[in-house]
Structures are given as C-alpha cells and as structure tokens.
N, C-alpha and C. Protein backbone atom coordinates (compact mmCIF):
# COMPACT_ATOMS: atom_id res chain seq x y z
N MET A 1 0.82 -1.20 0.00
CA MET A 1 0.00 0.00 0.00
C MET A 1 0.87 1.27 0.00
N TYR A 2 2.04 1.18 0.63
CA TYR A 2 2.94 2.33 0.73
C TYR A 2 3.29 2.88 -0.66
N LEU A 3 3.61 2.00 -1.59
CA LEU A 3 4.00 2.46 -2.93
C LEU A 3 2.83 3.10 -3.68
N TRP A 4 1.62 2.60 -3.48
CA TRP A 4 0.44 3.21 -4.09
C TRP A 4 0.21 4.61 -3.52
N LEU A 5 0.39 4.73 -2.22
CA LEU A 5 0.24 6.04 -1.59
C LEU A 5 1.33 7.01 -2.07
N LYS A 6 2.54 6.48 -2.23
CA LYS A 6 3.63 7.32 -2.74
C LYS A 6 3.31 7.81 -4.15
N ALA A 7 2.77 6.93 -4.99
CA ALA A 7 2.39 7.32 -6.35
C ALA A 7 1.31 8.40 -6.32
N LEU A 8 0.29 8.22 -5.47
CA LEU A 8 -0.76 9.22 -5.33
C LEU A 8 -0.18 10.55 -4.85
N HIS A 9 0.73 10.48 -3.90
CA HIS A 9 1.38 11.68 -3.38
C HIS A 9 2.12 12.42 -4.50
N LEU A 10 2.87 11.69 -5.29
CA LEU A 10 3.61 12.31 -6.40
C LEU A 10 2.68 12.93 -7.43
N ILE A 11 1.59 12.25 -7.74
CA ILE A 11 0.62 12.80 -8.69
C ILE A 11 0.03 14.11 -8.15
N ALA A 12 -0.31 14.12 -6.87
CA ALA A 12 -0.87 15.33 -6.25
C ALA A 12 0.17 16.45 -6.23
N VAL A 13 1.40 16.13 -5.88
CA VAL A 13 2.45 17.15 -5.83
C VAL A 13 2.71 17.72 -7.23
N ILE A 14 2.76 16.87 -8.23
CA ILE A 14 2.99 17.35 -9.60
C ILE A 14 1.84 18.27 -10.03
N SER A 15 0.61 17.89 -9.71
CA SER A 15 -0.54 18.72 -10.06
C SER A 15 -0.50 20.06 -9.34
N TRP A 16 -0.17 20.01 -8.05
CA TRP A 16 -0.07 21.24 -7.25
C TRP A 16 1.02 22.14 -7.82
N MET A 17 2.18 21.56 -8.09
CA MET A 17 3.30 22.35 -8.57
C MET A 17 3.05 22.91 -9.97
N ALA A 18 2.33 22.19 -10.80
CA ALA A 18 1.99 22.73 -12.12
C ALA A 18 1.23 24.05 -11.96
N GLY A 19 0.29 24.05 -11.03
CA GLY A 19 -0.45 25.28 -10.76
C GLY A 19 0.40 26.36 -10.12
N MET A 20 1.28 25.95 -9.19
CA MET A 20 2.15 26.92 -8.51
C MET A 20 3.13 27.57 -9.48
N LEU A 21 3.45 26.90 -10.56
CA LEU A 21 4.34 27.46 -11.56
C LEU A 21 3.57 28.26 -12.62
N TYR A 22 2.32 27.89 -12.87
CA TYR A 22 1.54 28.53 -13.92
C TYR A 22 0.78 29.77 -13.43
N LEU A 23 0.24 29.73 -12.23
CA LEU A 23 -0.58 30.85 -11.75
C LEU A 23 0.18 32.17 -11.73
N PRO A 24 1.39 32.23 -11.17
CA PRO A 24 2.08 33.53 -11.22
C PRO A 24 2.43 33.97 -12.64
N ARG A 25 2.57 33.02 -13.56
CA ARG A 25 2.80 33.39 -14.97
C ARG A 25 1.53 34.05 -15.52
N LEU A 26 0.36 33.54 -15.13
CA LEU A 26 -0.89 34.20 -15.52
C LEU A 26 -0.94 35.61 -14.94
N PHE A 27 -0.47 35.77 -13.71
CA PHE A 27 -0.44 37.11 -13.09
C PHE A 27 0.43 38.08 -13.90
N VAL A 28 1.55 37.58 -14.43
CA VAL A 28 2.43 38.42 -15.25
C VAL A 28 1.64 38.99 -16.42
N TYR A 29 0.92 38.12 -17.11
CA TYR A 29 0.14 38.56 -18.27
C TYR A 29 -1.06 39.40 -17.86
N HIS A 30 -1.69 39.03 -16.77
CA HIS A 30 -2.87 39.76 -16.29
C HIS A 30 -2.49 41.19 -15.90
N ALA A 31 -1.33 41.37 -15.30
CA ALA A 31 -0.89 42.70 -14.86
C ALA A 31 -0.67 43.64 -16.04
N ALA A 32 -0.51 43.07 -17.24
CA ALA A 32 -0.24 43.88 -18.43
C ALA A 32 -1.50 44.37 -19.13
N VAL A 33 -2.68 43.87 -18.73
CA VAL A 33 -3.90 44.27 -19.43
C VAL A 33 -4.72 45.22 -18.57
N GLU A 34 -5.58 45.94 -19.22
CA GLU A 34 -6.43 46.93 -18.56
C GLU A 34 -7.50 46.23 -17.70
N PRO A 35 -7.65 46.63 -16.43
CA PRO A 35 -8.72 46.05 -15.60
C PRO A 35 -10.08 46.24 -16.27
N GLY A 36 -10.89 45.20 -16.23
CA GLY A 36 -12.22 45.24 -16.82
C GLY A 36 -12.25 44.90 -18.31
N SER A 37 -11.10 44.78 -18.93
CA SER A 37 -11.05 44.44 -20.36
C SER A 37 -11.45 42.98 -20.54
N PRO A 38 -11.82 42.60 -21.76
CA PRO A 38 -12.16 41.19 -22.00
C PRO A 38 -11.00 40.25 -21.63
N GLN A 39 -9.77 40.67 -21.92
CA GLN A 39 -8.62 39.83 -21.56
C GLN A 39 -8.51 39.68 -20.04
N SER A 40 -8.73 40.76 -19.31
CA SER A 40 -8.67 40.72 -17.85
C SER A 40 -9.73 39.78 -17.30
N GLU A 41 -10.91 39.83 -17.85
CA GLU A 41 -12.00 38.96 -17.39
C GLU A 41 -11.68 37.49 -17.66
N THR A 42 -11.05 37.22 -18.79
CA THR A 42 -10.63 35.85 -19.11
C THR A 42 -9.58 35.37 -18.12
N PHE A 43 -8.59 36.23 -17.82
CA PHE A 43 -7.57 35.86 -16.85
C PHE A 43 -8.18 35.59 -15.47
N LYS A 44 -9.16 36.36 -15.07
CA LYS A 44 -9.83 36.15 -13.78
C LYS A 44 -10.41 34.75 -13.69
N VAL A 45 -11.10 34.34 -14.74
CA VAL A 45 -11.70 33.00 -14.77
C VAL A 45 -10.62 31.93 -14.73
N MET A 46 -9.58 32.09 -15.52
CA MET A 46 -8.49 31.11 -15.56
C MET A 46 -7.82 30.99 -14.19
N GLU A 47 -7.52 32.12 -13.57
CA GLU A 47 -6.84 32.12 -12.28
C GLU A 47 -7.70 31.48 -11.20
N ARG A 48 -8.97 31.87 -11.16
CA ARG A 48 -9.87 31.33 -10.14
C ARG A 48 -10.04 29.82 -10.28
N ARG A 49 -10.26 29.36 -11.50
CA ARG A 49 -10.46 27.92 -11.73
C ARG A 49 -9.19 27.12 -11.44
N LEU A 50 -8.05 27.64 -11.86
CA LEU A 50 -6.79 26.95 -11.59
C LEU A 50 -6.58 26.81 -10.08
N TYR A 51 -6.80 27.89 -9.36
CA TYR A 51 -6.57 27.88 -7.91
C TYR A 51 -7.58 26.99 -7.19
N LYS A 52 -8.84 27.15 -7.52
CA LYS A 52 -9.92 26.47 -6.78
C LYS A 52 -10.09 25.00 -7.16
N PHE A 53 -9.94 24.67 -8.43
CA PHE A 53 -10.27 23.32 -8.88
C PHE A 53 -9.07 22.41 -9.15
N ILE A 54 -7.88 22.99 -9.24
CA ILE A 54 -6.69 22.16 -9.47
C ILE A 54 -5.72 22.29 -8.31
N MET A 55 -5.24 23.50 -8.08
CA MET A 55 -4.18 23.69 -7.08
C MET A 55 -4.61 23.32 -5.66
N SER A 56 -5.72 23.85 -5.21
CA SER A 56 -6.12 23.62 -3.82
C SER A 56 -6.46 22.15 -3.54
N PRO A 57 -7.25 21.49 -4.39
CA PRO A 57 -7.48 20.06 -4.13
C PRO A 57 -6.18 19.24 -4.19
N ALA A 58 -5.31 19.56 -5.14
CA ALA A 58 -4.05 18.82 -5.24
C ALA A 58 -3.19 19.03 -4.00
N MET A 59 -3.17 20.26 -3.49
CA MET A 59 -2.41 20.54 -2.27
C MET A 59 -2.97 19.74 -1.10
N MET A 60 -4.27 19.69 -0.98
CA MET A 60 -4.89 18.94 0.13
C MET A 60 -4.56 17.46 0.05
N VAL A 61 -4.63 16.88 -1.14
CA VAL A 61 -4.29 15.47 -1.30
C VAL A 61 -2.81 15.24 -0.99
N ALA A 62 -1.95 16.14 -1.48
CA ALA A 62 -0.51 16.01 -1.22
C ALA A 62 -0.24 16.03 0.29
N TRP A 63 -0.87 16.94 1.00
CA TRP A 63 -0.70 17.02 2.45
C TRP A 63 -1.22 15.77 3.15
N LEU A 64 -2.44 15.37 2.83
CA LEU A 64 -3.06 14.22 3.49
C LEU A 64 -2.24 12.95 3.28
N VAL A 65 -1.92 12.66 2.04
CA VAL A 65 -1.18 11.44 1.74
C VAL A 65 0.26 11.56 2.25
N GLY A 66 0.83 12.75 2.18
CA GLY A 66 2.18 12.96 2.70
C GLY A 66 2.28 12.67 4.19
N ILE A 67 1.27 13.08 4.94
CA ILE A 67 1.26 12.80 6.39
C ILE A 67 1.16 11.31 6.64
N ILE A 68 0.30 10.64 5.89
CA ILE A 68 0.18 9.18 6.02
C ILE A 68 1.51 8.50 5.72
N LEU A 69 2.16 8.93 4.63
CA LEU A 69 3.46 8.36 4.27
C LEU A 69 4.52 8.62 5.35
N ALA A 70 4.49 9.80 5.93
CA ALA A 70 5.46 10.13 6.98
C ALA A 70 5.28 9.22 8.19
N PHE A 71 4.03 8.94 8.53
CA PHE A 71 3.78 8.01 9.65
C PHE A 71 4.22 6.59 9.28
N GLN A 72 3.84 6.16 8.09
CA GLN A 72 4.19 4.80 7.68
C GLN A 72 5.70 4.60 7.55
N GLY A 73 6.39 5.62 7.05
CA GLY A 73 7.84 5.52 6.88
C GLY A 73 8.63 5.91 8.11
N GLN A 74 7.91 6.37 9.14
CA GLN A 74 8.53 6.82 10.39
C GLN A 74 9.60 7.88 10.13
N TRP A 75 9.24 8.88 9.34
CA TRP A 75 10.19 9.92 8.94
C TRP A 75 10.26 11.09 9.90
N PHE A 76 9.42 11.15 10.92
CA PHE A 76 9.34 12.34 11.76
C PHE A 76 10.61 12.65 12.55
N THR A 77 11.51 11.70 12.68
CA THR A 77 12.75 11.96 13.41
C THR A 77 13.92 12.29 12.48
N ALA A 78 13.72 12.20 11.18
CA ALA A 78 14.80 12.45 10.22
C ALA A 78 15.00 13.95 10.00
N GLY A 79 16.25 14.36 10.01
CA GLY A 79 16.57 15.78 9.81
C GLY A 79 16.13 16.30 8.46
N TRP A 80 16.34 15.51 7.41
CA TRP A 80 15.94 15.94 6.07
C TRP A 80 14.43 16.16 6.02
N PHE A 81 13.67 15.34 6.77
CA PHE A 81 12.22 15.47 6.77
C PHE A 81 11.80 16.78 7.43
N HIS A 82 12.48 17.17 8.48
CA HIS A 82 12.17 18.45 9.14
C HIS A 82 12.36 19.62 8.17
N ALA A 83 13.47 19.56 7.43
CA ALA A 83 13.73 20.61 6.44
C ALA A 83 12.67 20.59 5.34
N LYS A 84 12.32 19.38 4.87
CA LYS A 84 11.29 19.27 3.83
C LYS A 84 9.96 19.81 4.34
N LEU A 85 9.61 19.44 5.56
CA LEU A 85 8.34 19.89 6.13
C LEU A 85 8.31 21.42 6.22
N ALA A 86 9.41 22.03 6.63
CA ALA A 86 9.48 23.49 6.70
C ALA A 86 9.27 24.10 5.31
N LEU A 87 9.87 23.50 4.30
CA LEU A 87 9.69 24.01 2.94
C LEU A 87 8.27 23.80 2.43
N VAL A 88 7.67 22.67 2.76
CA VAL A 88 6.29 22.42 2.33
C VAL A 88 5.32 23.38 3.05
N LEU A 89 5.59 23.66 4.31
CA LEU A 89 4.78 24.67 5.02
C LEU A 89 4.93 26.03 4.34
N SER A 90 6.16 26.37 3.96
CA SER A 90 6.40 27.63 3.26
C SER A 90 5.70 27.65 1.91
N MET A 91 5.73 26.52 1.21
CA MET A 91 5.05 26.42 -0.09
C MET A 91 3.54 26.62 0.10
N THR A 92 3.02 26.11 1.20
CA THR A 92 1.60 26.27 1.49
C THR A 92 1.26 27.74 1.74
N LEU A 93 2.15 28.44 2.42
CA LEU A 93 1.95 29.88 2.63
C LEU A 93 2.00 30.64 1.31
N VAL A 94 2.91 30.27 0.43
CA VAL A 94 2.99 30.89 -0.90
C VAL A 94 1.71 30.59 -1.68
N HIS A 95 1.21 29.36 -1.56
CA HIS A 95 -0.06 28.99 -2.19
C HIS A 95 -1.16 29.95 -1.73
N GLY A 96 -1.25 30.18 -0.43
CA GLY A 96 -2.25 31.10 0.10
C GLY A 96 -2.05 32.51 -0.41
N LEU A 97 -0.80 32.95 -0.51
CA LEU A 97 -0.49 34.27 -1.05
C LEU A 97 -0.94 34.38 -2.51
N PHE A 98 -0.68 33.33 -3.28
CA PHE A 98 -1.14 33.34 -4.67
C PHE A 98 -2.67 33.42 -4.74
N GLY A 99 -3.35 32.73 -3.83
CA GLY A 99 -4.81 32.82 -3.77
C GLY A 99 -5.27 34.23 -3.46
N HIS A 100 -4.55 34.89 -2.55
CA HIS A 100 -4.88 36.29 -2.22
C HIS A 100 -4.71 37.18 -3.44
N TRP A 101 -3.61 37.00 -4.17
CA TRP A 101 -3.39 37.81 -5.36
C TRP A 101 -4.44 37.54 -6.42
N ALA A 102 -4.86 36.29 -6.56
CA ALA A 102 -5.93 35.97 -7.52
C ALA A 102 -7.22 36.68 -7.13
N THR A 103 -7.50 36.71 -5.83
CA THR A 103 -8.69 37.42 -5.35
C THR A 103 -8.57 38.91 -5.63
N GLU A 104 -7.39 39.47 -5.42
CA GLU A 104 -7.18 40.90 -5.70
C GLU A 104 -7.37 41.20 -7.19
N PHE A 105 -6.84 40.36 -8.05
CA PHE A 105 -7.07 40.54 -9.48
C PHE A 105 -8.57 40.43 -9.78
N GLY A 106 -9.25 39.48 -9.13
CA GLY A 106 -10.68 39.29 -9.34
C GLY A 106 -11.50 40.51 -8.98
N ARG A 107 -10.96 41.32 -8.07
CA ARG A 107 -11.64 42.56 -7.65
C ARG A 107 -11.06 43.80 -8.34
N ASP A 108 -10.23 43.56 -9.35
CA ASP A 108 -9.55 44.65 -10.08
C ASP A 108 -8.73 45.53 -9.14
N ARG A 109 -8.05 44.90 -8.18
CA ARG A 109 -7.24 45.64 -7.22
C ARG A 109 -5.78 45.17 -7.21
N ASN A 110 -5.26 44.82 -8.35
CA ASN A 110 -3.86 44.42 -8.41
C ASN A 110 -2.97 45.60 -8.04
N ARG A 111 -1.98 45.34 -7.21
CA ARG A 111 -1.06 46.40 -6.76
C ARG A 111 0.38 46.15 -7.19
N HIS A 112 0.61 45.13 -8.00
CA HIS A 112 1.98 44.77 -8.34
C HIS A 112 2.23 44.81 -9.84
N SER A 113 3.50 44.93 -10.18
CA SER A 113 3.92 45.01 -11.59
C SER A 113 4.15 43.63 -12.18
N GLN A 114 4.32 43.62 -13.49
CA GLN A 114 4.68 42.38 -14.16
C GLN A 114 6.00 41.86 -13.61
N LYS A 115 6.96 42.74 -13.39
CA LYS A 115 8.27 42.33 -12.88
C LYS A 115 8.14 41.65 -11.51
N PHE A 116 7.30 42.18 -10.66
CA PHE A 116 7.06 41.59 -9.35
C PHE A 116 6.60 40.13 -9.49
N TYR A 117 5.64 39.91 -10.39
CA TYR A 117 5.12 38.56 -10.58
C TYR A 117 6.14 37.64 -11.26
N ARG A 118 7.00 38.19 -12.10
CA ARG A 118 8.07 37.38 -12.70
C ARG A 118 9.00 36.85 -11.61
N ILE A 119 9.31 37.70 -10.65
CA ILE A 119 10.17 37.27 -9.53
C ILE A 119 9.42 36.26 -8.66
N ALA A 120 8.15 36.56 -8.36
CA ALA A 120 7.34 35.65 -7.53
C ALA A 120 7.23 34.27 -8.19
N ASN A 121 7.27 34.24 -9.50
CA ASN A 121 7.17 32.98 -10.25
C ASN A 121 8.34 32.05 -9.97
N GLU A 122 9.46 32.60 -9.54
CA GLU A 122 10.65 31.79 -9.29
C GLU A 122 10.65 31.15 -7.90
N ILE A 123 9.88 31.67 -6.98
CA ILE A 123 9.89 31.17 -5.60
C ILE A 123 9.50 29.69 -5.52
N PRO A 124 8.38 29.27 -6.12
CA PRO A 124 8.04 27.84 -6.04
C PRO A 124 9.07 26.95 -6.72
N THR A 125 9.73 27.46 -7.76
CA THR A 125 10.74 26.67 -8.45
C THR A 125 11.91 26.36 -7.53
N VAL A 126 12.40 27.36 -6.84
CA VAL A 126 13.53 27.18 -5.93
C VAL A 126 13.14 26.23 -4.79
N MET A 127 11.94 26.42 -4.25
CA MET A 127 11.48 25.55 -3.17
C MET A 127 11.33 24.11 -3.64
N LEU A 128 10.80 23.93 -4.84
CA LEU A 128 10.63 22.59 -5.42
C LEU A 128 11.97 21.88 -5.56
N ILE A 129 12.96 22.58 -6.06
CA ILE A 129 14.30 21.98 -6.22
C ILE A 129 14.83 21.53 -4.86
N ALA A 130 14.72 22.38 -3.87
CA ALA A 130 15.21 22.03 -2.53
C ALA A 130 14.47 20.83 -1.95
N ILE A 131 13.16 20.78 -2.13
CA ILE A 131 12.37 19.66 -1.61
C ILE A 131 12.77 18.35 -2.28
N VAL A 132 12.91 18.38 -3.60
CA VAL A 132 13.27 17.16 -4.33
C VAL A 132 14.65 16.67 -3.89
N VAL A 133 15.60 17.57 -3.74
CA VAL A 133 16.94 17.17 -3.30
C VAL A 133 16.87 16.55 -1.91
N LEU A 134 16.12 17.15 -1.01
CA LEU A 134 16.00 16.61 0.34
C LEU A 134 15.39 15.20 0.34
N VAL A 135 14.35 15.00 -0.45
CA VAL A 135 13.66 13.71 -0.47
C VAL A 135 14.50 12.63 -1.13
N VAL A 136 15.16 12.97 -2.21
CA VAL A 136 15.92 11.96 -2.96
C VAL A 136 17.28 11.67 -2.31
N VAL A 137 18.00 12.73 -1.96
CA VAL A 137 19.36 12.56 -1.44
C VAL A 137 19.37 12.28 0.06
N LYS A 138 18.39 12.83 0.78
CA LYS A 138 18.35 12.69 2.25
C LYS A 138 19.72 13.01 2.86
N PRO A 139 20.18 14.27 2.68
CA PRO A 139 21.55 14.62 3.04
C PRO A 139 21.84 14.62 4.55
N PHE A 140 20.83 14.61 5.37
CA PHE A 140 21.05 14.59 6.82
C PHE A 140 19.85 14.00 7.52
C-alpha cells in the first residue's frame, strides 16, 4: 500500500506544482492588461479555476497522503524530513499568497507590476528543487 500512496502523493504534488508554476505566470500577463477588459476577465476566470479546482485540491491530497506516508515511513525523526516539512509549510503559505493575489485581481485591485510577478514565479521553483533534493538525497 505504501508504494500506491507514494504514487498518489507524487501525482498530487505534480498537479499542485503545475499550478504553482503557472498561476504567477498568468499574473504576469494579467498585470499587463487593462482592468475590466475582455482579456482581464478571461484571466480572472483562468486564475480562479486553476486555484480552486486544481491547485487547492491537489495541495490537500498532497498534504493528506504525505502525512500518512510520513507516519508509515517513520520519517518524523529524520533531519531531512524536518527541512522538507518546513519548505512544504512555506510552499503552502505561498499557495495562500497566490490565492490572495488571484482574489485581488478578481476585484480589479492588483497592486503589483509584471516584474514583481516574474520574480514571484521563481519562488516555487527554488522551493521545489530544494524539496526534491531533500527527499531523494536525504543529506542529513
């Protein structure tokens, strides 16, 4: 059962990360269009649906199955797991921040530039790399 759960966890993480990498890219393009324009309204729908129907459910499954795997693998005492957990908690906070920005765009209250969102787009990438290295290499 452990391997099936691991597969489900990976599928959920991949789905979550696809959204975490794509949503801020949508913000980059959305920030470039006039609020209330047809393009802006299209971006609002895309952002809301991506966040609500793909990213959030995938994050919940990743967390739920990840906790089960941690118990089954008895990883709670491993140093690498503590670091991974801290990064996943941080990723969850970034997820919430992205949701806030999507809500702000939905209300035509964006306060950030395209450049800001380009930089924000790199945060999940760096965190993902660190998490994968910790899980695969288990350096400590």
